[in-house]
Amino acid sequence: MSKIGFNKDLKKSCEYCQYGTLLEFTNETVCKKRGVIDSRDYCHSYKYDPLKRIPKKIQISDNYTPEDFKL
């Protein structure tokens, strides 16, 4: 695993590479360097693009009580 950006557990992936474009309906990436490849793969030309990563949504619980809002 590599240390990319702020998330230390994020693995290298062509999905997050500046040379790759994720195909919408398949689990493949079109790479400018290597062509069509699996999105979990990466090569020596890998360069992380933080704008391509979509963070997972945070789950907020619904079971609040009135005591949770008291000071």
PDB file of N, CA and C in Angstrom:
ATOM      1  N   MET A   1       0.840  -1.182   0.000  1.00  0.00           N
ATOM      2  CA  MET A   1       0.000   0.000   0.000  1.00  0.00           C
ATOM      3  C   MET A   1       0.879   1.237   0.000  1.00  0.00           C
ATOM      4  N   SER A   2       0.367   2.273  -0.596  1.00  0.00           N
ATOM      5  CA  SER A   2       1.132   3.509  -0.675  1.00  0.00           C
ATOM      6  C   SER A   2       0.441   4.607   0.122  1.00  0.00           C
ATOM      7  N   LYS A   3       1.205   5.594   0.484  1.00  0.00           N
ATOM      8  CA  LYS A   3       0.645   6.729   1.204  1.00  0.00           C
ATOM      9  C   LYS A   3       0.329   7.819   0.197  1.00  0.00           C
ATOM     10  N   ILE A   4      -0.950   7.934  -0.141  1.00  0.00           N
ATOM     11  CA  ILE A   4      -1.390   8.888  -1.149  1.00  0.00           C
ATOM     12  C   ILE A   4      -2.287   9.915  -0.478  1.00  0.00           C
ATOM     13  N   GLY A   5      -1.973  11.181  -0.626  1.00  0.00           N
ATOM     14  CA  GLY A   5      -2.831  12.218  -0.085  1.00  0.00           C
ATOM     15  C   GLY A   5      -2.996  12.086   1.412  1.00  0.00           C
ATOM     16  N   PHE A   6      -4.233  12.181   1.895  1.00  0.00           N
ATOM     17  CA  PHE A   6      -4.510  12.118   3.313  1.00  0.00           C
ATOM     18  C   PHE A   6      -4.890  10.717   3.772  1.00  0.00           C
ATOM     19  N   ASN A   7      -5.298   9.849   2.862  1.00  0.00           N
ATOM     20  CA  ASN A   7      -5.729   8.505   3.209  1.00  0.00           C
ATOM     21  C   ASN A   7      -4.556   7.540   3.051  1.00  0.00           C
ATOM     22  N   LYS A   8      -4.032   7.054   4.159  1.00  0.00           N
ATOM     23  CA  LYS A   8      -2.864   6.183   4.125  1.00  0.00           C
ATOM     24  C   LYS A   8      -3.201   4.778   3.629  1.00  0.00           C
ATOM     25  N   ASP A   9      -4.477   4.393   3.657  1.00  0.00           N
ATOM     26  CA  ASP A   9      -4.889   3.051   3.259  1.00  0.00           C
ATOM     27  C   ASP A   9      -5.314   2.971   1.791  1.00  0.00           C
ATOM     28  N   LEU A  10      -5.272   4.070   1.061  1.00  0.00           N
ATOM     29  CA  LEU A  10      -5.689   4.087  -0.338  1.00  0.00           C
ATOM     30  C   LEU A  10      -4.624   3.429  -1.201  1.00  0.00           C
ATOM     31  N   LYS A  11      -5.030   2.403  -1.948  1.00  0.00           N
ATOM     32  CA  LYS A  11      -4.094   1.685  -2.814  1.00  0.00           C
ATOM     33  C   LYS A  11      -3.977   2.390  -4.157  1.00  0.00           C
ATOM     34  N   LYS A  12      -2.838   2.207  -4.817  1.00  0.00           N
ATOM     35  CA  LYS A  12      -2.665   2.745  -6.153  1.00  0.00           C
ATOM     36  C   LYS A  12      -3.647   2.052  -7.086  1.00  0.00           C
ATOM     37  N   SER A  13      -4.259   2.825  -7.962  1.00  0.00           N
ATOM     38  CA  SER A  13      -5.243   2.291  -8.893  1.00  0.00           C
ATOM     39  C   SER A  13      -5.336   3.214 -10.096  1.00  0.00           C
ATOM     40  N   CYS A  14      -5.457   2.650 -11.289  1.00  0.00           N
ATOM     41  CA  CYS A  14      -5.606   3.465 -12.505  1.00  0.00           C
ATOM     42  C   CYS A  14      -6.870   4.308 -12.448  1.00  0.00           C
ATOM     43  N   GLU A  15      -7.788   3.939 -11.589  1.00  0.00           N
ATOM     44  CA  GLU A  15      -9.016   4.701 -11.420  1.00  0.00           C
ATOM     45  C   GLU A  15      -8.706   6.115 -10.923  1.00  0.00           C
ATOM     46  N   TYR A  16      -7.618   6.286 -10.148  1.00  0.00           N
ATOM     47  CA  TYR A  16      -7.245   7.573  -9.576  1.00  0.00           C
ATOM     48  C   TYR A  16      -6.060   8.216 -10.292  1.00  0.00           C
ATOM     49  N   CYS A  17      -5.626   7.663 -11.398  1.00  0.00           N
ATOM     50  CA  CYS A  17      -4.452   8.151 -12.118  1.00  0.00           C
ATOM     51  C   CYS A  17      -4.836   9.293 -13.062  1.00  0.00           C
ATOM     52  N   GLN A  18      -3.929  10.226 -13.251  1.00  0.00           N
ATOM     53  CA  GLN A  18      -4.221  11.342 -14.153  1.00  0.00           C
ATOM     54  C   GLN A  18      -4.269  10.916 -15.610  1.00  0.00           C
ATOM     55  N   TYR A  19      -3.714   9.759 -15.946  1.00  0.00           N
ATOM     56  CA  TYR A  19      -3.723   9.269 -17.319  1.00  0.00           C
ATOM     57  C   TYR A  19      -4.923   8.371 -17.610  1.00  0.00           C
ATOM     58  N   GLY A  20      -5.659   7.960 -16.579  1.00  0.00           N
ATOM     59  CA  GLY A  20      -6.764   7.024 -16.762  1.00  0.00           C
ATOM     60  C   GLY A  20      -8.124   7.693 -16.749  1.00  0.00           C
ATOM     61  N   THR A  21      -9.059   7.099 -17.481  1.00  0.00           N
ATOM     62  CA  THR A  21     -10.453   7.527 -17.487  1.00  0.00           C
ATOM     63  C   THR A  21     -11.304   6.298 -17.220  1.00  0.00           C
ATOM     64  N   LEU A  22     -12.066   6.324 -16.143  1.00  0.00           N
ATOM     65  CA  LEU A  22     -12.898   5.192 -15.750  1.00  0.00           C
ATOM     66  C   LEU A  22     -14.080   5.061 -16.693  1.00  0.00           C
ATOM     67  N   LEU A  23     -14.298   3.847 -17.207  1.00  0.00           N
ATOM     68  CA  LEU A  23     -15.464   3.585 -18.044  1.00  0.00           C
ATOM     69  C   LEU A  23     -16.679   3.449 -17.147  1.00  0.00           C
ATOM     70  N   GLU A  24     -17.779   4.037 -17.529  1.00  0.00           N
ATOM     71  CA  GLU A  24     -18.939   4.167 -16.657  1.00  0.00           C
ATOM     72  C   GLU A  24     -19.620   2.841 -16.323  1.00  0.00           C
ATOM     73  N   PHE A  25     -19.751   1.932 -17.281  1.00  0.00           N
ATOM     74  CA  PHE A  25     -20.550   0.728 -17.061  1.00  0.00           C
ATOM     75  C   PHE A  25     -19.728  -0.543 -16.858  1.00  0.00           C
ATOM     76  N   THR A  26     -18.418  -0.439 -16.889  1.00  0.00           N
ATOM     77  CA  THR A  26     -17.569  -1.608 -16.667  1.00  0.00           C
ATOM     78  C   THR A  26     -16.562  -1.294 -15.581  1.00  0.00           C
ATOM     79  N   ASN A  27     -15.809  -2.281 -15.173  1.00  0.00           N
ATOM     80  CA  ASN A  27     -14.783  -2.087 -14.153  1.00  0.00           C
ATOM     81  C   ASN A  27     -13.422  -1.930 -14.840  1.00  0.00           C
ATOM     82  N   GLU A  28     -13.394  -1.150 -15.908  1.00  0.00           N
ATOM     83  CA  GLU A  28     -12.175  -0.968 -16.676  1.00  0.00           C
ATOM     84  C   GLU A  28     -11.842   0.518 -16.796  1.00  0.00           C
ATOM     85  N   THR A  29     -10.584   0.781 -17.098  1.00  0.00           N
ATOM     86  CA  THR A  29     -10.095   2.137 -17.252  1.00  0.00           C
ATOM     87  C   THR A  29      -9.403   2.258 -18.597  1.00  0.00           C
ATOM     88  N   VAL A  30      -9.620   3.376 -19.276  1.00  0.00           N
ATOM     89  CA  VAL A  30      -8.904   3.658 -20.514  1.00  0.00           C
ATOM     90  C   VAL A  30      -7.700   4.513 -20.130  1.00  0.00           C
ATOM     91  N   CYS A  31      -6.523   3.963 -20.356  1.00  0.00           N
ATOM     92  CA  CYS A  31      -5.275   4.623 -19.994  1.00  0.00           C
ATOM     93  C   CYS A  31      -4.616   5.203 -21.245  1.00  0.00           C
ATOM     94  N   LYS A  32      -4.091   6.424 -21.141  1.00  0.00           N
ATOM     95  CA  LYS A  32      -3.395   7.042 -22.267  1.00  0.00           C
ATOM     96  C   LYS A  32      -2.086   6.330 -22.566  1.00  0.00           C
ATOM     97  N   LYS A  33      -1.533   5.629 -21.577  1.00  0.00           N
ATOM     98  CA  LYS A  33      -0.250   4.949 -21.738  1.00  0.00           C
ATOM     99  C   LYS A  33      -0.404   3.484 -22.157  1.00  0.00           C
ATOM    100  N   ARG A  34      -1.428   2.778 -21.587  1.00  0.00           N
ATOM    101  CA  ARG A  34      -1.533   1.334 -21.773  1.00  0.00           C
ATOM    102  C   ARG A  34      -2.803   0.862 -22.461  1.00  0.00           C
ATOM    103  N   GLY A  35      -3.765   1.714 -22.726  1.00  0.00           N
ATOM    104  CA  GLY A  35      -5.011   1.299 -23.369  1.00  0.00           C
ATOM    105  C   GLY A  35      -6.064   0.908 -22.341  1.00  0.00           C
ATOM    106  N   VAL A  36      -6.923  -0.036 -22.679  1.00  0.00           N
ATOM    107  CA  VAL A  36      -7.990  -0.483 -21.787  1.00  0.00           C
ATOM    108  C   VAL A  36      -7.428  -1.526 -20.817  1.00  0.00           C
ATOM    109  N   ILE A  37      -7.567  -1.247 -19.510  1.00  0.00           N
ATOM    110  CA  ILE A  37      -7.046  -2.139 -18.466  1.00  0.00           C
ATOM    111  C   ILE A  37      -8.033  -2.190 -17.311  1.00  0.00           C
ATOM    112  N   ASP A  38      -7.801  -3.122 -16.397  1.00  0.00           N
ATOM    113  CA  ASP A  38      -8.610  -3.236 -15.194  1.00  0.00           C
ATOM    114  C   ASP A  38      -8.336  -2.022 -14.314  1.00  0.00           C
ATOM    115  N   SER A  39      -9.381  -1.440 -13.701  1.00  0.00           N
ATOM    116  CA  SER A  39      -9.222  -0.211 -12.930  1.00  0.00           C
ATOM    117  C   SER A  39      -8.417  -0.414 -11.649  1.00  0.00           C
ATOM    118  N   ARG A  40      -8.269  -1.664 -11.187  1.00  0.00           N
ATOM    119  CA  ARG A  40      -7.495  -1.915  -9.970  1.00  0.00           C
ATOM    120  C   ARG A  40      -6.002  -2.037 -10.247  1.00  0.00           C
ATOM    121  N   ASP A  41      -5.626  -2.070 -11.510  1.00  0.00           N
ATOM    122  CA  ASP A  41      -4.235  -2.209 -11.904  1.00  0.00           C
ATOM    123  C   ASP A  41      -3.566  -0.835 -11.939  1.00  0.00           C
ATOM    124  N   TYR A  42      -2.238  -0.796 -11.954  1.00  0.00           N
ATOM    125  CA  TYR A  42      -1.501   0.445 -12.145  1.00  0.00           C
ATOM    126  C   TYR A  42      -0.137   0.122 -12.730  1.00  0.00           C
ATOM    127  N   CYS A  43       0.538   1.133 -13.296  1.00  0.00           N
ATOM    128  CA  CYS A  43       1.830   0.921 -13.937  1.00  0.00           C
ATOM    129  C   CYS A  43       2.863   1.901 -13.395  1.00  0.00           C
ATOM    130  N   HIS A  44       4.052   1.896 -13.959  1.00  0.00           N
ATOM    131  CA  HIS A  44       5.121   2.764 -13.481  1.00  0.00           C
ATOM    132  C   HIS A  44       4.869   4.239 -13.823  1.00  0.00           C
ATOM    133  N   SER A  45       3.934   4.540 -14.714  1.00  0.00           N
ATOM    134  CA  SER A  45       3.595   5.916 -15.069  1.00  0.00           C
ATOM    135  C   SER A  45       2.506   6.497 -14.175  1.00  0.00           C
ATOM    136  N   TYR A  46       2.115   5.794 -13.126  1.00  0.00           N
ATOM    137  CA  TYR A  46       1.020   6.195 -12.245  1.00  0.00           C
ATOM    138  C   TYR A  46       1.301   7.548 -11.588  1.00  0.00           C
ATOM    139  N   LYS A  47       0.346   8.457 -11.708  1.00  0.00           N
ATOM    140  CA  LYS A  47       0.398   9.755 -11.034  1.00  0.00           C
ATOM    141  C   LYS A  47      -0.975  10.004 -10.436  1.00  0.00           C
ATOM    142  N   TYR A  48      -1.026  10.139  -9.114  1.00  0.00           N
ATOM    143  CA  TYR A  48      -2.281  10.297  -8.387  1.00  0.00           C
ATOM    144  C   TYR A  48      -2.941  11.632  -8.730  1.00  0.00           C
ATOM    145  N   ASP A  49      -4.244  11.587  -9.018  1.00  0.00           N
ATOM    146  CA  ASP A  49      -5.050  12.777  -9.262  1.00  0.00           C
ATOM    147  C   ASP A  49      -6.147  12.814  -8.197  1.00  0.00           C
ATOM    148  N   PRO A  50      -6.008  13.664  -7.168  1.00  0.00           N
ATOM    149  CA  PRO A  50      -6.978  13.659  -6.063  1.00  0.00           C
ATOM    150  C   PRO A  50      -8.391  14.061  -6.476  1.00  0.00           C
ATOM    151  N   LEU A  51      -8.549  14.742  -7.598  1.00  0.00           N
ATOM    152  CA  LEU A  51      -9.879  15.153  -8.027  1.00  0.00           C
ATOM    153  C   LEU A  51     -10.691  14.014  -8.623  1.00  0.00           C
ATOM    154  N   LYS A  52     -10.064  12.891  -8.931  1.00  0.00           N
ATOM    155  CA  LYS A  52     -10.785  11.744  -9.489  1.00  0.00           C
ATOM    156  C   LYS A  52     -11.377  10.842  -8.412  1.00  0.00           C
ATOM    157  N   ARG A  53     -10.934  10.987  -7.188  1.00  0.00           N
ATOM    158  CA  ARG A  53     -11.411  10.119  -6.118  1.00  0.00           C
ATOM    159  C   ARG A  53     -12.697  10.667  -5.528  1.00  0.00           C
ATOM    160  N   ILE A  54     -13.711   9.816  -5.437  1.00  0.00           N
ATOM    161  CA  ILE A  54     -14.986  10.191  -4.830  1.00  0.00           C
ATOM    162  C   ILE A  54     -15.065   9.502  -3.471  1.00  0.00           C
ATOM    163  N   PRO A  55     -15.026  10.270  -2.372  1.00  0.00           N
ATOM    164  CA  PRO A  55     -15.068   9.654  -1.038  1.00  0.00           C
ATOM    165  C   PRO A  55     -16.394   8.951  -0.785  1.00  0.00           C
ATOM    166  N   LYS A  56     -16.349   7.934   0.055  1.00  0.00           N
ATOM    167  CA  LYS A  56     -17.567   7.220   0.428  1.00  0.00           C
ATOM    168  C   LYS A  56     -18.427   8.108   1.316  1.00  0.00           C
ATOM    169  N   LYS A  57     -19.748   7.946   1.205  1.00  0.00           N
ATOM    170  CA  LYS A  57     -20.668   8.718   2.025  1.00  0.00           C
ATOM    171  C   LYS A  57     -20.616   8.238   3.466  1.00  0.00           C
ATOM    172  N   ILE A  58     -20.756   9.169   4.385  1.00  0.00           N
ATOM    173  CA  ILE A  58     -20.743   8.852   5.806  1.00  0.00           C
ATOM    174  C   ILE A  58     -22.156   8.480   6.232  1.00  0.00           C
ATOM    175  N   GLN A  59     -22.284   7.368   6.957  1.00  0.00           N
ATOM    176  CA  GLN A  59     -23.579   6.936   7.453  1.00  0.00           C
ATOM    177  C   GLN A  59     -23.878   7.666   8.767  1.00  0.00           C
ATOM    178  N   ILE A  60     -25.024   8.333   8.815  1.00  0.00           N
ATOM    179  CA  ILE A  60     -25.444   9.039  10.021  1.00  0.00           C
ATOM    180  C   ILE A  60     -26.583   8.248  10.646  1.00  0.00           C
ATOM    181  N   SER A  61     -26.478   7.982  11.937  1.00  0.00           N
ATOM    182  CA  SER A  61     -27.515   7.182  12.597  1.00  0.00           C
ATOM    183  C   SER A  61     -28.780   8.011  12.810  1.00  0.00           C
ATOM    184  N   ASP A  62     -29.902   7.322  12.911  1.00  0.00           N
ATOM    185  CA  ASP A  62     -31.197   7.976  13.079  1.00  0.00           C
ATOM    186  C   ASP A  62     -31.732   7.869  14.500  1.00  0.00           C
ATOM    187  N   ASN A  63     -31.048   7.177  15.345  1.00  0.00           N
ATOM    188  CA  ASN A  63     -31.589   6.898  16.682  1.00  0.00           C
ATOM    189  C   ASN A  63     -31.090   7.904  17.717  1.00  0.00           C
ATOM    190  N   TYR A  64     -31.467   9.181  17.550  1.00  0.00           N
ATOM    191  CA  TYR A  64     -31.107  10.202  18.518  1.00  0.00           C
ATOM    192  C   TYR A  64     -32.158  10.260  19.617  1.00  0.00           C
ATOM    193  N   THR A  65     -31.748  10.679  20.792  1.00  0.00           N
ATOM    194  CA  THR A  65     -32.658  10.882  21.916  1.00  0.00           C
ATOM    195  C   THR A  65     -32.574  12.348  22.323  1.00  0.00           C
ATOM    196  N   PRO A  66     -33.569  12.839  23.044  1.00  0.00           N
ATOM    197  CA  PRO A  66     -33.514  14.249  23.504  1.00  0.00           C
ATOM    198  C   PRO A  66     -32.278  14.548  24.379  1.00  0.00           C
ATOM    199  N   GLU A  67     -31.755  13.541  25.059  1.00  0.00           N
ATOM    200  CA  GLU A  67     -30.574  13.742  25.898  1.00  0.00           C
ATOM    201  C   GLU A  67     -29.327  14.056  25.064  1.00  0.00           C
ATOM    202  N   ASP A  68     -29.319  13.644  23.819  1.00  0.00           N
ATOM    203  CA  ASP A  68     -28.190  13.912  22.942  1.00  0.00           C
ATOM    204  C   ASP A  68     -28.045  15.413  22.636  1.00  0.00           C
ATOM    205  N   PHE A  69     -29.137  16.159  22.772  1.00  0.00           N
ATOM    206  CA  PHE A  69     -29.121  17.579  22.426  1.00  0.00           C
ATOM    207  C   PHE A  69     -29.094  18.496  23.644  1.00  0.00           C
ATOM    208  N   LYS A  70     -28.982  17.941  24.821  1.00  0.00           N
ATOM    209  CA  LYS A  70     -28.909  18.755  26.040  1.00  0.00           C
ATOM    210  C   LYS A  70     -27.466  19.102  26.343  1.00  0.00           C
ATOM    211  N   LEU A  71     -27.285  20.294  26.885  1.00  0.00           N
ATOM    212  CA  LEU A  71     -25.945  20.732  27.295  1.00  0.00           C
ATOM    213  C   LEU A  71     -25.696  20.473  28.748  1.00  0.00           C
TER     214      LEU A  71
END
